[in-house]
């Protein structure tokens, strides 16, 4: 019993010493301080990471808005669209695809990519000019993505995490460049627009375009000389194109929209009136006195040409209408041939606005033009071969489904063993006696071309093909008022905020 007070006394002394001992306070204070230091250090590093994420997101937003606006501009040019549709929403789809290329993908990591046309916020934006109305020419892109708070969560309120949001607005420009006369559509071909031979190419008040991304998407070599209002190529130009300083030579541009991409290919199974085949069921004119006049049953209608047409001489009159060369049938013209499409009552050719009232046709329509179409439902379509400088005077319709198109080959990429042994590329080498008012349109195949006259030719000639080789001197003019053609011009989306 006598030991109990002593044990209690010793225990109390030990507790008192423990309470008076300050040697562990530094460790405790350091532990508390380190928590804050780590938290603030984490906040600093995470803020830096969020800053770089914001920059990357802003770049993605700007690129997405510009691309979506360019998509809207291209749609307006080809189909008259003045606002992004809801189904399919090409503006939204384009914007989200571009954002995804920057690793900001809709629905991934809670990311949202919102594309608005017109913008949800229109403050400080001027209203749109024709063909758009109100604010429909603008496309707004907003990207939002929550960020994880990790070490910074030590010093921030419970459950806190930041969300980064960026916004950009771009305007759809339907005519960002000068009017074009020639457009090579192939996106990768070397020398897609090839002026590597001899002769002078003259583009009166219009430009040359190439969608090729190759280093020689436009090629000028040999002794050829190219003079144009401007030159526009997705890739680069090899050689020299003499241009107006206002427009110049432009590389790295947006691809140019095919202005006739939405035009349906005509068809017909009704043989044209006046068809009188002679030999292998084809129509062959060989003497200077030979004449054939073809026409549809109704004025300006559509009829079929079931077999080849070849002119080594004589005159072929095509009255106003659409002439469908079926089943791979070809048109071949040599030196002494004459084609009037349509035959005209006035001068051939007049300087502008050709007279197309063909009173010599059994069925005719005042002001009607001609479209020649090459089709084949089961193989390669036919093509045109014009050599030796025959006389070709042709005017496209100014209205109807083929408005502005003089020669149209269906959208089939031909095999090398197609018609004959050379596929279905076109050869239109009529020189100065080849005058075509309207578009020569071979969207999937090649053309070798020389034609047009600087003094007496028609004043609206367009050449659009997969690839184009200029085989000699050519003259193009762009006075296309009232011709029914669609414009060739690069479109883009210009970032405005």
Protein backbone atom coordinates (compact mmCIF):
# COMPACT_ATOMS: atom_id res chain seq x y z
CA UNK A 1 0.00 0.00 0.00
CA UNK A 2 2.89 2.31 0.78
CA UNK A 3 4.19 2.12 -2.86
CA UNK A 4 1.01 3.46 -4.48
CA UNK A 5 1.61 7.14 -3.82
CA UNK A 6 5.13 6.85 -5.26
CA UNK A 7 3.91 5.14 -8.48
CA UNK A 8 1.23 7.79 -8.91
CA UNK A 9 3.76 10.53 -8.29
CA UNK A 10 6.14 9.16 -10.93
CA UNK A 11 3.32 8.86 -13.46
CA UNK A 12 2.25 12.41 -12.92
CA UNK A 13 5.83 13.64 -13.36
CA UNK A 14 6.15 11.76 -16.67
CA UNK A 15 2.91 13.23 -17.96
CA UNK A 16 4.06 16.70 -16.91
CA UNK A 17 7.38 16.28 -18.75
CA UNK A 18 5.55 15.07 -21.90
CA UNK A 19 3.28 18.08 -21.82
CA UNK A 20 6.24 20.43 -21.36
CA UNK A 21 8.32 18.77 -24.17
CA UNK A 22 8.43 21.01 -27.36
CA UNK A 23 10.80 18.86 -29.40
CA UNK A 24 7.91 17.35 -31.61
CA UNK A 25 6.18 20.67 -32.37
CA UNK A 26 8.41 21.41 -35.35
CA UNK A 27 7.51 18.12 -36.97
CA UNK A 28 3.82 18.73 -36.44
CA UNK A 29 4.02 22.29 -37.74
CA UNK A 30 6.14 21.13 -40.69
CA UNK A 31 3.55 18.47 -41.52
CA UNK A 32 0.80 21.05 -41.45
CA UNK A 33 2.87 23.51 -43.52
CA UNK A 34 3.84 20.87 -46.06
CA UNK A 35 0.18 20.18 -46.75
CA UNK A 36 -0.31 23.78 -47.78
CA UNK A 37 2.96 23.93 -49.71
CA UNK A 38 2.08 20.79 -51.64
CA UNK A 39 -1.42 22.10 -52.28
CA UNK A 40 -0.25 25.48 -53.57
CA UNK A 41 2.55 23.88 -55.60
CA UNK A 42 -0.02 21.52 -57.10
CA UNK A 43 -2.33 24.43 -57.82
CA UNK A 44 0.49 26.25 -59.62
CA UNK A 45 1.43 23.28 -61.78
CA UNK A 46 -2.19 22.47 -62.56
CA UNK A 47 -2.94 26.11 -63.44
CA UNK A 48 -0.05 25.98 -65.91
CA UNK A 49 -1.49 22.78 -67.40
CA UNK A 50 -4.93 24.37 -67.61
CA UNK A 51 -3.40 27.37 -69.38
CA UNK A 52 -1.88 25.16 -72.09
CA UNK A 53 -5.16 23.24 -72.36
CA UNK A 54 -6.98 26.55 -72.84
CA UNK A 55 -4.60 27.57 -75.63
CA UNK A 56 -4.98 24.23 -77.38
CA UNK A 57 -8.76 24.38 -76.97
CA UNK A 58 -8.90 27.93 -78.37
CA UNK A 59 -6.92 26.83 -81.43
CA UNK A 60 -9.32 23.91 -81.87
CA UNK A 61 -12.33 26.20 -81.52
CA UNK A 62 -10.99 28.69 -84.06
CA UNK A 63 -10.13 25.99 -86.60
CA UNK A 64 -13.49 24.28 -86.10
CA UNK A 65 -15.41 27.53 -86.59
CA UNK A 66 -13.45 28.50 -89.72
CA UNK A 67 -13.89 25.02 -91.24
CA UNK A 68 -17.60 24.88 -90.44
CA UNK A 69 -18.11 28.33 -91.99
CA UNK A 70 -16.17 27.24 -95.08
CA UNK A 71 -18.47 24.22 -95.29
CA UNK A 72 -21.49 26.52 -95.20
CA UNK A 73 -19.98 28.75 -97.89
CA UNK A 74 -19.30 25.76 -100.13
CA UNK A 75 -22.86 24.50 -99.68
CA UNK A 76 -24.25 27.90 -100.60
CA UNK A 77 -22.24 27.93 -103.82
CA UNK A 78 -23.27 24.44 -104.92
CA UNK A 79 -26.90 24.28 -103.76
CA UNK A 80 -28.00 27.75 -102.67
CA UNK A 81 -28.05 26.81 -98.97
CA UNK A 82 -28.19 29.90 -96.75
CA UNK A 83 -28.21 28.15 -93.36
CA UNK A 84 -26.84 24.90 -91.98
CA UNK A 85 -29.56 22.22 -92.08
CA UNK A 86 -30.32 20.09 -89.04
CA UNK A 87 -30.18 16.75 -90.86
CA UNK A 88 -27.52 16.21 -91.96
CA UNK A 89 -25.88 19.09 -90.11
CA UNK A 90 -22.69 19.49 -92.14
CA UNK A 91 -21.62 22.56 -90.10
CA UNK A 92 -21.88 20.63 -86.82
CA UNK A 93 -20.26 17.53 -88.28
CA UNK A 94 -17.40 19.52 -89.81
CA UNK A 95 -16.83 21.52 -86.62
CA UNK A 96 -16.80 18.44 -84.41
CA UNK A 97 -14.51 16.55 -86.77
CA UNK A 98 -11.97 19.38 -86.74
CA UNK A 99 -12.20 19.70 -82.94
CA UNK A 100 -11.59 15.96 -82.62
CA UNK A 101 -8.40 16.31 -84.66
CA UNK A 102 -7.17 18.54 -81.80
CA UNK A 103 -8.18 15.82 -79.27
CA UNK A 104 -11.35 17.59 -78.16
CA UNK A 105 -13.95 15.00 -79.08
CA UNK A 106 -17.65 15.39 -78.38
CA UNK A 107 -18.62 13.15 -75.44
CA UNK A 108 -15.08 12.06 -74.56
CA UNK A 109 -13.86 13.14 -71.07
CA UNK A 110 -17.16 15.03 -70.68
CA UNK A 111 -16.19 17.32 -73.58
CA UNK A 112 -18.94 19.20 -75.37
CA UNK A 113 -18.48 20.71 -78.84
CA UNK A 114 -21.44 22.96 -79.68
CA UNK A 115 -21.83 24.36 -83.21
CA UNK A 116 -24.41 27.12 -83.67
CA UNK A 117 -25.64 28.69 -86.91
CA UNK A 118 -26.56 31.47 -86.42
CA UNK A 119 -24.54 32.12 -83.24
CA UNK A 120 -26.28 31.96 -79.88
CA UNK A 121 -24.64 35.30 -79.11
CA UNK A 122 -24.59 37.88 -81.88
CA UNK A 123 -23.28 40.90 -79.96
CA UNK A 124 -20.81 43.00 -82.01
CA UNK A 125 -21.54 41.09 -85.23
CA UNK A 126 -22.77 43.02 -88.30
CA UNK A 127 -25.71 41.49 -90.11
CA UNK A 128 -24.96 39.29 -93.12
CA UNK A 129 -25.05 40.42 -96.73
CA UNK A 130 -26.75 38.57 -99.58
CA UNK A 131 -27.24 35.68 -100.21
CA UNK A 132 -27.39 35.26 -96.42
CA UNK A 133 -29.82 37.06 -94.14
CA UNK A 134 -29.72 38.21 -90.51
CA UNK A 135 -26.77 36.36 -88.88
CA UNK A 136 -26.97 33.14 -90.91
CA UNK A 137 -23.54 33.66 -92.48
CA UNK A 138 -21.83 33.09 -89.11
CA UNK A 139 -20.98 29.81 -87.42
CA UNK A 140 -20.20 29.76 -83.69
CA UNK A 141 -18.25 26.96 -82.02
CA UNK A 142 -18.09 26.54 -78.23
CA UNK A 143 -15.92 23.84 -76.65
CA UNK A 144 -16.23 23.04 -72.95
CA UNK A 145 -14.29 20.47 -70.91
CA UNK A 146 -14.09 19.97 -67.08
CA UNK A 147 -10.61 19.63 -65.60
CA UNK A 148 -9.62 17.37 -62.72
CA UNK A 149 -8.38 19.06 -59.53
CA UNK A 150 -5.74 16.79 -58.01
CA UNK A 151 -3.05 18.26 -55.70
CA UNK A 152 -4.80 21.62 -55.86
CA UNK A 153 -7.81 20.02 -54.17
CA UNK A 154 -5.85 20.21 -50.88
CA UNK A 155 -6.27 24.00 -50.71
CA UNK A 156 -9.54 24.38 -52.62
CA UNK A 157 -13.09 23.82 -51.36
CA UNK A 158 -14.34 20.27 -51.30
CA UNK A 159 -15.73 19.08 -54.64
CA UNK A 160 -14.23 22.02 -56.58
CA UNK A 161 -12.93 21.51 -60.14
CA UNK A 162 -12.59 24.03 -62.99
CA UNK A 163 -14.29 23.88 -66.42
CA UNK A 164 -12.50 25.42 -69.41
CA UNK A 165 -14.71 26.95 -72.11
CA UNK A 166 -13.60 28.61 -75.38
CA UNK A 167 -15.61 30.25 -78.17
CA UNK A 168 -14.97 31.33 -81.76
CA UNK A 169 -17.13 32.77 -84.54
CA UNK A 170 -16.35 32.63 -88.28
CA UNK A 171 -18.08 34.08 -91.35
CA UNK A 172 -18.87 32.07 -94.49
CA UNK A 173 -17.28 33.72 -97.52
CA UNK A 174 -18.82 32.48 -100.78
CA UNK A 175 -16.44 34.38 -103.06
CA UNK A 176 -13.10 34.70 -101.37
CA UNK A 177 -11.15 34.91 -104.61
CA UNK A 178 -11.41 35.99 -108.23
CA UNK A 179 -13.67 34.28 -110.79
CA UNK A 180 -12.23 31.11 -112.28
CA UNK A 181 -12.26 29.73 -115.83
CA UNK A 182 -10.32 26.51 -115.26
CA UNK A 183 -10.54 24.09 -112.34
CA UNK A 184 -8.56 20.85 -111.88
CA UNK A 185 -10.45 18.82 -109.26
CA UNK A 186 -7.94 16.06 -108.43
CA UNK A 187 -6.74 16.49 -104.85
CA UNK A 188 -3.33 14.79 -105.12
CA UNK A 189 -2.27 14.51 -108.77
CA UNK A 190 1.10 15.82 -109.88
CA UNK A 191 0.62 18.50 -112.58
CA UNK A 192 -3.15 18.43 -112.12
CA UNK A 193 -3.26 21.64 -114.16
CA UNK A 194 -0.45 21.15 -116.66
CA UNK A 195 0.71 23.92 -118.98
CA UNK A 196 4.05 22.30 -119.70
CA UNK A 197 3.97 22.42 -123.48
CA UNK A 198 4.04 25.25 -125.97
CA UNK A 199 1.68 28.06 -126.76
CA UNK A 200 0.13 30.87 -124.79
CA UNK A 201 -2.70 30.46 -122.32
CA UNK A 202 -4.69 33.64 -121.85
CA UNK A 203 -7.29 34.02 -119.12
CA UNK A 204 -9.22 37.22 -119.77
CA UNK A 205 -10.48 38.50 -116.44
CA UNK A 206 -10.45 35.11 -114.76
CA UNK A 207 -8.20 32.69 -112.91
CA UNK A 208 -6.83 29.14 -112.91
CA UNK A 209 -7.57 26.82 -109.96
CA UNK A 210 -6.13 23.48 -108.87
CA UNK A 211 -7.27 21.39 -105.91
CA UNK A 212 -4.11 19.29 -105.98
CA UNK A 213 -1.94 19.31 -102.86
CA UNK A 214 1.12 18.31 -104.90
CA UNK A 215 4.20 20.50 -105.09
CA UNK A 216 3.37 21.00 -108.79
CA UNK A 217 -0.43 21.17 -108.51
CA UNK A 218 -0.14 23.87 -111.18
CA UNK A 219 2.75 23.26 -113.57
CA UNK A 220 4.16 25.64 -116.17
CA UNK A 221 7.13 24.40 -118.18
CA UNK A 222 8.57 24.18 -121.67
CA UNK A 223 7.99 27.34 -123.69
CA UNK A 224 4.42 27.81 -122.51
CA UNK A 225 3.27 31.17 -121.19
CA UNK A 226 0.33 31.50 -118.81
CA UNK A 227 -1.31 34.86 -118.16
CA UNK A 228 -4.26 34.94 -115.76
CA UNK A 229 -6.02 37.25 -113.36
CA UNK A 230 -4.94 34.96 -110.53
CA UNK A 231 -3.75 31.44 -109.74
CA UNK A 232 -4.99 29.37 -106.78
CA UNK A 233 -3.67 25.95 -105.74
CA UNK A 234 -4.00 23.81 -102.62
CA UNK A 235 -0.37 22.69 -102.98
CA UNK A 236 2.22 24.70 -104.89
CA UNK A 237 3.01 26.12 -108.33
CA UNK A 238 5.99 24.84 -110.30
CA UNK A 239 6.86 27.50 -112.84
CA UNK A 240 5.54 31.00 -113.41
CA UNK A 241 1.97 32.17 -113.86
CA UNK A 242 1.79 35.83 -114.86
CA UNK A 243 -1.00 37.33 -112.75
CA UNK A 244 -2.64 40.61 -111.88
CA UNK A 245 -0.90 41.92 -108.71
CA UNK A 246 -4.32 42.43 -107.14
CA UNK A 247 -4.90 38.66 -107.12
CA UNK A 248 -1.45 37.13 -107.61
CA UNK A 249 -0.42 33.50 -107.21
CA UNK A 250 -1.84 31.82 -104.13
CA UNK A 251 -0.69 28.53 -102.61
CA UNK A 252 -2.06 26.55 -99.69
CA UNK A 253 -5.65 27.68 -100.33
CA UNK A 254 -8.84 25.81 -99.47
CA UNK A 255 -9.97 23.32 -102.13
CA UNK A 256 -12.44 24.83 -104.57
CA UNK A 257 -15.92 23.38 -104.59
CA UNK A 258 -17.07 21.63 -107.77
CA UNK A 259 -19.80 24.07 -108.90
CA UNK A 260 -21.74 21.34 -110.74
CA UNK A 261 -21.40 18.58 -108.13
CA UNK A 262 -25.13 18.42 -107.52
CA UNK A 263 -26.22 18.35 -111.18
CA UNK A 264 -27.88 15.03 -112.00
CA UNK A 265 -26.64 13.17 -115.06
CA UNK A 266 -29.37 13.21 -117.77
CA UNK A 267 -30.59 9.98 -119.32
CA UNK A 268 -32.74 8.99 -122.31
CA UNK A 269 -33.65 5.87 -124.25
CA UNK A 270 -35.50 7.68 -127.05
CA UNK A 271 -33.32 7.97 -130.15
CA UNK A 272 -32.93 11.48 -131.52
CA UNK A 273 -34.89 12.41 -134.61
CA UNK A 274 -32.75 12.61 -137.74
CA UNK A 275 -30.56 9.67 -136.71
CA UNK A 276 -29.53 7.83 -139.90
CA UNK A 277 -26.71 5.42 -139.14
CA UNK A 278 -24.40 4.20 -141.88
CA UNK A 279 -21.98 1.41 -141.07
CA UNK A 280 -21.71 -0.36 -137.70
CA UNK A 281 -24.89 1.49 -136.75
CA UNK A 282 -22.83 4.67 -136.29
CA UNK A 283 -23.31 8.07 -137.86
CA UNK A 284 -20.34 8.85 -140.10
CA UNK A 285 -19.99 12.00 -142.21
CA UNK A 286 -16.96 12.14 -144.47
CA UNK A 287 -17.68 14.48 -147.38
CA UNK A 288 -17.91 18.25 -147.22
CA UNK A 289 -21.45 18.07 -148.62
CA UNK A 290 -22.69 15.62 -145.97
CA UNK A 291 -25.16 17.11 -143.47
CA UNK A 292 -27.02 15.65 -140.53
CA UNK A 293 -29.50 17.47 -138.30
CA UNK A 294 -30.51 15.86 -135.02
CA UNK A 295 -33.26 17.07 -132.72
CA UNK A 296 -35.41 15.86 -129.81
CA UNK A 297 -39.14 15.33 -130.16
CA UNK A 298 -39.92 18.39 -128.07
CA UNK A 299 -38.21 21.75 -128.15
CA UNK A 300 -35.27 21.73 -125.79
CA UNK A 301 -35.98 18.11 -124.79
CA UNK A 302 -33.67 15.14 -124.25
CA UNK A 303 -32.89 12.35 -126.71
CA UNK A 304 -30.43 9.47 -127.06
CA UNK A 305 -27.55 8.86 -129.44
CA UNK A 306 -27.16 5.06 -129.34
CA UNK A 307 -23.89 4.67 -131.27
CA UNK A 308 -20.72 6.54 -132.22
CA UNK A 309 -20.75 9.78 -134.19
CA UNK A 310 -17.73 10.49 -136.38
CA UNK A 311 -17.16 13.48 -138.65
CA UNK A 312 -14.20 13.50 -141.03
CA UNK A 313 -16.06 16.13 -143.03
CA UNK A 314 -19.55 17.51 -143.44
CA UNK A 315 -21.78 19.37 -141.01
CA UNK A 316 -23.58 18.17 -137.90
CA UNK A 317 -26.40 20.35 -136.60
CA UNK A 318 -27.63 19.69 -133.08
CA UNK A 319 -30.86 21.58 -132.44
CA UNK A 320 -31.54 22.93 -128.93
CA UNK A 321 -31.75 20.09 -126.41
CA UNK A 322 -29.79 17.51 -124.42
CA UNK A 323 -28.04 14.75 -126.40
CA UNK A 324 -27.20 11.63 -124.39
CA UNK A 325 -24.45 9.43 -125.90
CA UNK A 326 -25.48 6.07 -124.42
CA UNK A 327 -23.54 2.87 -123.68
CA UNK A 328 -20.09 4.34 -124.15
CA UNK A 329 -20.77 5.97 -127.52
CA UNK A 330 -18.14 8.49 -128.63
CA UNK A 331 -18.01 11.75 -130.55
CA UNK A 332 -15.04 12.07 -132.92
CA UNK A 333 -14.30 15.19 -134.98
CA UNK A 334 -11.37 15.70 -137.34
CA UNK A 335 -10.03 18.55 -139.42
CA UNK A 336 -12.81 19.14 -141.94
CA UNK A 337 -15.80 18.68 -139.62
CA UNK A 338 -18.27 21.40 -138.73
CA UNK A 339 -20.53 21.22 -135.67
CA UNK A 340 -23.22 23.79 -134.98
CA UNK A 341 -24.79 23.17 -131.59
CA UNK A 342 -27.25 24.70 -132.08
CA UNK A 343 -27.31 26.11 -135.63
CA UNK A 344 -27.70 29.86 -135.30
CA UNK A 345 -29.45 32.58 -137.21
CA UNK A 346 -26.94 35.23 -136.23
CA UNK A 347 -23.16 35.59 -136.49
CA UNK A 348 -21.13 32.52 -135.55
CA UNK A 349 -19.88 33.15 -133.02
CA UNK A 350 -20.98 36.60 -131.82
CA UNK A 351 -18.82 38.35 -129.25
CA UNK A 352 -21.29 37.93 -126.39
CA UNK A 353 -24.74 36.50 -125.72
CA UNK A 354 -24.93 34.24 -128.79
CA UNK A 355 -28.13 34.20 -130.79
CA UNK A 356 -29.62 30.72 -130.42
CA UNK A 357 -32.91 30.92 -132.31
CA UNK A 358 -32.40 28.09 -134.80
CA UNK A 359 -35.14 28.41 -137.43
CA UNK A 360 -33.46 25.67 -139.49
CA UNK A 361 -34.44 23.06 -136.87
CA UNK A 362 -37.70 21.11 -137.35
CA UNK A 363 -38.33 21.57 -133.63
CA UNK A 364 -36.66 24.53 -132.02
CA UNK A 365 -36.98 26.96 -129.17
CA UNK A 366 -35.81 30.55 -129.20
CA UNK A 367 -32.86 30.98 -126.91
CA UNK A 368 -32.26 27.25 -126.50
CA UNK A 369 -28.81 25.72 -126.15
CA UNK A 370 -27.20 22.27 -126.37
CA UNK A 371 -25.71 19.89 -123.81
CA UNK A 372 -23.81 16.78 -124.93
CA UNK A 373 -23.74 14.04 -122.28
CA UNK A 374 -21.62 10.86 -122.20
CA UNK A 375 -23.04 8.00 -120.10
CA UNK A 376 -22.88 4.24 -119.68
CA UNK A 377 -24.90 2.32 -117.11
CA UNK A 378 -22.65 -0.75 -117.25
CA UNK A 379 -19.14 0.48 -117.99
CA UNK A 380 -17.03 3.41 -119.01
CA UNK A 381 -18.87 6.34 -120.55
CA UNK A 382 -17.93 7.59 -123.99
CA UNK A 383 -15.85 10.66 -124.60
CA UNK A 384 -15.09 13.42 -127.07
CA UNK A 385 -12.12 13.45 -129.43
CA UNK A 386 -11.62 16.72 -131.32
CA UNK A 387 -8.40 17.01 -133.32
CA UNK A 388 -7.08 18.78 -136.38
CA UNK A 389 -8.94 22.06 -135.76
CA UNK A 390 -12.47 21.29 -136.91
CA UNK A 391 -15.02 24.07 -136.59
CA UNK A 392 -17.01 23.74 -133.38
CA UNK A 393 -19.55 26.37 -132.35
CA UNK A 394 -21.45 25.36 -129.26
CA UNK A 395 -23.68 27.17 -126.77
CA UNK A 396 -24.94 25.60 -123.53
CA UNK A 397 -28.53 25.99 -122.31
CA UNK A 398 -29.18 28.99 -120.08
CA UNK A 399 -31.85 27.20 -118.03
CA UNK A 400 -32.99 23.71 -117.11
CA UNK A 401 -31.19 20.88 -115.34
CA UNK A 402 -28.01 21.22 -117.44
CA UNK A 403 -27.96 25.01 -117.37
CA UNK A 404 -24.54 26.32 -118.30
CA UNK A 405 -23.07 22.89 -119.17
CA UNK A 406 -22.04 22.32 -122.79
CA UNK A 407 -20.31 18.91 -122.48
CA UNK A 408 -20.88 16.60 -119.52
CA UNK A 409 -19.30 13.19 -118.84
CA UNK A 410 -20.88 11.09 -116.09
CA UNK A 411 -19.02 10.78 -112.79
CA UNK A 412 -17.22 7.50 -113.44
CA UNK A 413 -13.48 7.04 -112.99
CA UNK A 414 -12.60 5.08 -116.11
CA UNK A 415 -10.35 2.06 -116.21
CA UNK A 416 -7.28 2.15 -118.44
CA UNK A 417 -8.67 -0.55 -120.70
CA UNK A 418 -11.97 1.20 -121.20
CA UNK A 419 -13.08 2.63 -124.54
CA UNK A 420 -10.38 1.52 -126.94
CA UNK A 421 -7.12 1.31 -125.02
CA UNK A 422 -7.00 4.72 -123.40
CA UNK A 423 -9.85 4.85 -120.92
CA UNK A 424 -12.21 7.76 -121.46
CA UNK A 425 -10.11 10.87 -121.19
CA UNK A 426 -11.20 13.64 -123.52
CA UNK A 427 -9.16 15.28 -126.28
CA UNK A 428 -10.50 18.70 -127.20
CA UNK A 429 -7.80 20.19 -129.39
CA UNK A 430 -9.76 22.31 -131.80
CA UNK A 431 -7.56 25.39 -131.55
CA UNK A 432 -8.97 28.76 -132.46
CA UNK A 433 -11.89 27.24 -134.38
CA UNK A 434 -13.19 25.49 -131.25
CA UNK A 435 -15.52 27.93 -129.52
CA UNK A 436 -17.65 26.60 -126.68
CA UNK A 437 -19.87 28.91 -124.64
CA UNK A 438 -20.46 27.18 -121.29
CA UNK A 439 -18.80 24.54 -119.13
CA UNK A 440 -16.83 21.54 -120.39
CA UNK A 441 -17.27 19.20 -117.44
CA UNK A 442 -15.35 15.90 -116.99
CA UNK A 443 -15.27 15.66 -113.17
CA UNK A 444 -13.65 12.22 -112.87
CA UNK A 445 -11.40 12.05 -115.91
CA UNK A 446 -8.66 13.88 -117.75
CA UNK A 447 -8.85 16.41 -120.56
CA UNK A 448 -6.24 17.44 -123.09
CA UNK A 449 -7.32 20.85 -124.33
CA UNK A 450 -6.54 23.67 -126.70
CA UNK A 451 -9.15 26.04 -128.02
CA UNK A 452 -10.75 29.45 -128.04
CA UNK A 453 -10.05 32.65 -129.90
CA UNK A 454 -9.04 35.95 -128.35
CA UNK A 455 -10.77 37.97 -131.06
CA UNK A 456 -13.94 36.21 -132.17
CA UNK A 457 -14.57 33.43 -129.66
CA UNK A 458 -17.42 33.15 -127.23
CA UNK A 459 -16.90 35.03 -124.01
CA UNK A 460 -17.82 32.40 -121.42
CA UNK A 461 -15.72 29.23 -121.39
CA UNK A 462 -15.22 27.02 -118.33
CA UNK A 463 -13.05 23.91 -118.20
CA UNK A 464 -13.54 21.60 -115.21
CA UNK A 465 -11.96 18.16 -115.10
CA UNK A 466 -10.12 15.77 -112.82
CA UNK A 467 -6.81 16.74 -114.46
CA UNK A 468 -6.16 19.14 -117.32
CA UNK A 469 -3.31 19.23 -119.84
CA UNK A 470 -3.05 22.19 -122.18
CA UNK A 471 -1.83 20.90 -125.52
CA UNK A 472 -1.47 24.29 -127.16
CA UNK A 473 -2.58 27.89 -127.00
CA UNK A 474 -5.96 28.55 -125.41
CA UNK A 475 -8.06 31.57 -124.55
CA UNK A 476 -10.64 31.71 -121.77
CA UNK A 477 -13.04 34.51 -120.97
CA UNK A 478 -15.39 34.94 -118.04
CA UNK A 479 -18.11 37.24 -119.36
CA UNK A 480 -20.72 34.71 -118.27
CA UNK A 481 -23.65 37.03 -117.60
CA UNK A 482 -26.83 35.28 -118.68
CA UNK A 483 -24.99 32.10 -119.71
CA UNK A 484 -26.46 29.88 -116.99
CA UNK A 485 -23.05 28.80 -115.70
CA UNK A 486 -22.07 28.48 -112.04
CA UNK A 487 -19.15 30.47 -110.68
CA UNK A 488 -15.75 28.98 -109.95
CA UNK A 489 -14.33 30.59 -106.82
CA UNK A 490 -12.64 29.44 -103.67
CA UNK A 491 -14.72 29.64 -100.52
CA UNK A 492 -13.54 29.92 -96.94
CA UNK A 493 -14.47 30.69 -93.40
CA UNK A 494 -12.99 33.88 -91.98
CA UNK A 495 -12.54 34.03 -88.20
CA UNK A 496 -14.19 37.16 -86.81
CA UNK A 497 -13.98 36.53 -83.04
